[in-house]
C-alpha atoms as a PDB file:
ATOM      1  CA  MET A   1      80.336-156.563-119.344  1.00  0.00           C
ATOM      2  CA  SER A   2      84.052-157.456-119.311  1.00  0.00           C
ATOM      3  CA  THR A   3      85.462-160.965-119.390  1.00  0.00           C
ATOM      4  CA  ARG A   4      87.876-160.690-116.618  1.00  0.00           C
ATOM      5  CA  ALA A   5      90.772-163.034-115.926  1.00  0.00           C
ATOM      6  CA  THR A   6      93.570-163.589-113.349  1.00  0.00           C
ATOM      7  CA  ILE A   7      96.840-165.461-113.825  1.00  0.00           C
ATOM      8  CA  LYS A   8      98.636-166.929-110.908  1.00  0.00           C
ATOM      9  CA  PHE A   9     102.370-167.439-111.474  1.00  0.00           C
ATOM     10  CA  LYS A  10     103.860-169.631-108.726  1.00  0.00           C
ATOM     11  CA  ASP A  11     107.229-170.970-108.217  1.00  0.00           C
ATOM     12  CA  GLU A  12     108.781-172.812-105.120  1.00  0.00           C
ATOM     13  CA  TYR A  13     109.287-169.491-103.204  1.00  0.00           C
ATOM     14  CA  GLU A  14     106.559-166.998-104.084  1.00  0.00           C
ATOM     15  CA  GLU A  15     103.474-166.248-106.188  1.00  0.00           C
ATOM     16  CA  TYR A  16     102.218-163.258-108.267  1.00  0.00           C
ATOM     17  CA  PHE A  17      98.868-162.510-109.665  1.00  0.00           C
ATOM     18  CA  ILE A  18      98.210-160.745-112.858  1.00  0.00           C
ATOM     19  CA  TYR A  19      94.834-159.301-113.824  1.00  0.00           C
ATOM     20  CA  ARG A  20      93.166-158.708-117.097  1.00  0.00           C
ATOM     21  CA  HIS A  21      90.080-156.588-117.169  1.00  0.00           C
ATOM     22  CA  CYS A  22      88.573-157.626-120.497  1.00  0.00           C
ATOM     23  CA  ASP A  23      89.057-160.162-123.177  1.00  0.00           C
ATOM     24  CA  GLY A  24      90.184-162.969-120.740  1.00  0.00           C
ATOM     25  CA  PHE A  25      89.165-165.814-122.723  1.00  0.00           C
ATOM     26  CA  PRO A  26      91.612-168.740-123.131  1.00  0.00           C
ATOM     27  CA  ASP A  27      92.096-168.117-126.888  1.00  0.00           C
ATOM     28  CA  VAL A  28      93.390-164.677-126.059  1.00  0.00           C
ATOM     29  CA  VAL A  29      95.255-165.336-122.639  1.00  0.00           C
ATOM     30  CA  GLU A  30      96.804-168.717-123.236  1.00  0.00           C
ATOM     31  CA  PRO A  31      98.860-167.790-126.236  1.00  0.00           C
ATOM     32  CA  ASP A  32     100.257-164.686-124.281  1.00  0.00           C
ATOM     33  CA  ILE A  33     101.284-167.120-121.395  1.00  0.00           C
ATOM     34  CA  ILE A  34     102.834-169.706-123.836  1.00  0.00           C
ATOM     35  CA  ASN A  35     104.711-166.907-125.622  1.00  0.00           C
ATOM     36  CA  VAL A  36     106.583-165.708-122.696  1.00  0.00           C
ATOM     37  CA  ILE A  37     107.387-169.158-121.471  1.00  0.00           C
ATOM     38  CA  LYS A  38     108.872-169.999-124.779  1.00  0.00           C
ATOM     39  CA  ASP A  39     110.512-166.706-125.113  1.00  0.00           C
ATOM     40  CA  ARG A  40     112.305-166.810-121.709  1.00  0.00           C
ATOM     41  CA  GLU A  41     112.994-170.618-121.694  1.00  0.00           C
ATOM     42  CA  ASP A  42     116.568-171.191-120.376  1.00  0.00           C
ATOM     43  CA  SER A  43     116.912-167.422-119.478  1.00  0.00           C
ATOM     44  CA  TRP A  44     117.758-168.028-115.780  1.00  0.00           C
ATOM     45  CA  SER A  45     119.279-170.699-113.652  1.00  0.00           C
ATOM     46  CA  GLY A  46     116.049-171.331-111.741  1.00  0.00           C
ATOM     47  CA  SER A  47     112.364-170.514-111.710  1.00  0.00           C
ATOM     48  CA  GLU A  48     112.608-166.729-111.129  1.00  0.00           C
ATOM     49  CA  ALA A  49     108.792-166.072-111.127  1.00  0.00           C
ATOM     50  CA  GLY A  50     109.320-162.282-110.619  1.00  0.00           C
ATOM     51  CA  LYS A  51     111.363-161.985-113.716  1.00  0.00           C
ATOM     52  CA  LEU A  52     109.019-164.055-115.604  1.00  0.00           C
ATOM     53  CA  VAL A  53     106.054-161.838-114.564  1.00  0.00           C
ATOM     54  CA  SER A  54     107.972-158.727-115.396  1.00  0.00           C
ATOM     55  CA  CYS A  55     108.572-160.126-118.748  1.00  0.00           C
ATOM     56  CA  PHE A  56     105.127-161.099-119.317  1.00  0.00           C
ATOM     57  CA  ILE A  57     103.719-157.744-118.408  1.00  0.00           C
ATOM     58  CA  GLY A  58     106.463-156.089-120.764  1.00  0.00           C
ATOM     59  CA  MET A  59     105.860-158.327-123.688  1.00  0.00           C
ATOM     60  CA  ASN A  60     102.027-157.766-123.552  1.00  0.00           C
ATOM     61  CA  PHE A  61     102.254-153.908-123.085  1.00  0.00           C
ATOM     62  CA  ASN A  62     100.900-151.995-125.943  1.00  0.00           C
ATOM     63  CA  HIS A  63     102.417-148.473-126.065  1.00  0.00           C
ATOM     64  CA  GLU A  64      99.471-147.094-128.001  1.00  0.00           C
ATOM     65  CA  ASP A  65      97.016-147.852-125.316  1.00  0.00           C
ATOM     66  CA  ARG A  66      96.807-145.679-122.298  1.00  0.00           C
ATOM     67  CA  ILE A  67      95.374-148.593-120.118  1.00  0.00           C
ATOM     68  CA  PRO A  68      97.691-151.778-119.676  1.00  0.00           C
ATOM     69  CA  THR A  69      96.367-155.064-120.958  1.00  0.00           C
ATOM     70  CA  TYR A  70      97.748-156.760-117.971  1.00  0.00           C
ATOM     71  CA  GLU A  71      98.561-155.481-114.398  1.00  0.00           C
ATOM     72  CA  LEU A  72      99.766-156.715-110.962  1.00  0.00           C
ATOM     73  CA  THR A  73      97.150-157.589-108.504  1.00  0.00           C
ATOM     74  CA  GLU A  74      97.330-159.020-105.008  1.00  0.00           C
ATOM     75  CA  SER A  75      95.046-162.101-105.500  1.00  0.00           C
ATOM     76  CA  PHE A  76      92.167-163.659-107.345  1.00  0.00           C
ATOM     77  CA  HIS A  77      89.461-161.025-107.458  1.00  0.00           C
ATOM     78  CA  GLY A  78      86.311-163.502-107.160  1.00  0.00           C
ATOM     79  CA  ASP A  79      84.576-161.822-110.151  1.00  0.00           C
ATOM     80  CA  GLU A  80      86.730-163.204-112.950  1.00  0.00           C
ATOM     81  CA  SER A  81      85.362-165.366-115.578  1.00  0.00           C
ATOM     82  CA  TYR A  82      88.669-167.402-116.016  1.00  0.00           C
ATOM     83  CA  LYS A  83      91.683-168.260-113.738  1.00  0.00           C
ATOM     84  CA  TYR A  84      94.837-169.350-115.201  1.00  0.00           C
ATOM     85  CA  PHE A  85      97.756-171.084-113.305  1.00  0.00           C
ATOM     86  CA  VAL A  86     101.345-170.979-114.301  1.00  0.00           C
ATOM     87  CA  ASN A  87     103.478-173.202-112.154  1.00  0.00           C
ATOM     88  CA  TRP A  88     107.162-173.998-111.935  1.00  0.00           C
ATOM     89  CA  ASN A  89     107.887-177.707-112.259  1.00  0.00           C
ATOM     90  CA  GLU A  90     110.851-178.206-110.053  1.00  0.00           C
ATOM     91  CA  ASP A  91     111.403-181.778-111.341  1.00  0.00           C
ATOM     92  CA  LYS A  92     111.330-180.698-115.074  1.00  0.00           C
ATOM     93  CA  LYS A  93     112.937-177.313-114.445  1.00  0.00           C
ATOM     94  CA  GLN A  94     110.225-175.700-116.511  1.00  0.00           C
ATOM     95  CA  TRP A  95     107.107-173.308-116.509  1.00  0.00           C
ATOM     96  CA  GLU A  96     103.727-175.097-117.159  1.00  0.00           C
ATOM     97  CA  LEU A  97     100.369-173.743-117.927  1.00  0.00           C
ATOM     98  CA  GLY A  98      97.952-175.866-115.990  1.00  0.00           C
ATOM     99  CA  GLN A  99      95.659-176.183-113.009  1.00  0.00           C
END
């Protein structure tokens, strides 16, 4: 059985969902999220959720695999073991991993 996970990226205008079919444990997924936030810090003038999500998928794509690690989806699936929330904090002008 797979340990599924969904990540919700949300800024002040829109939201995107990313799905991971297996190995969705916090010790695997959270470092991936933190790495893209740190790598893209100060890249744009605002939140730019779509660009962050594109970078997230690209940074975590393994060209040797035929199946992507993360993929876009429309919402939470309901069968995931973990849900992650990445929100734009407008006051601090930064992305935060949280609830």
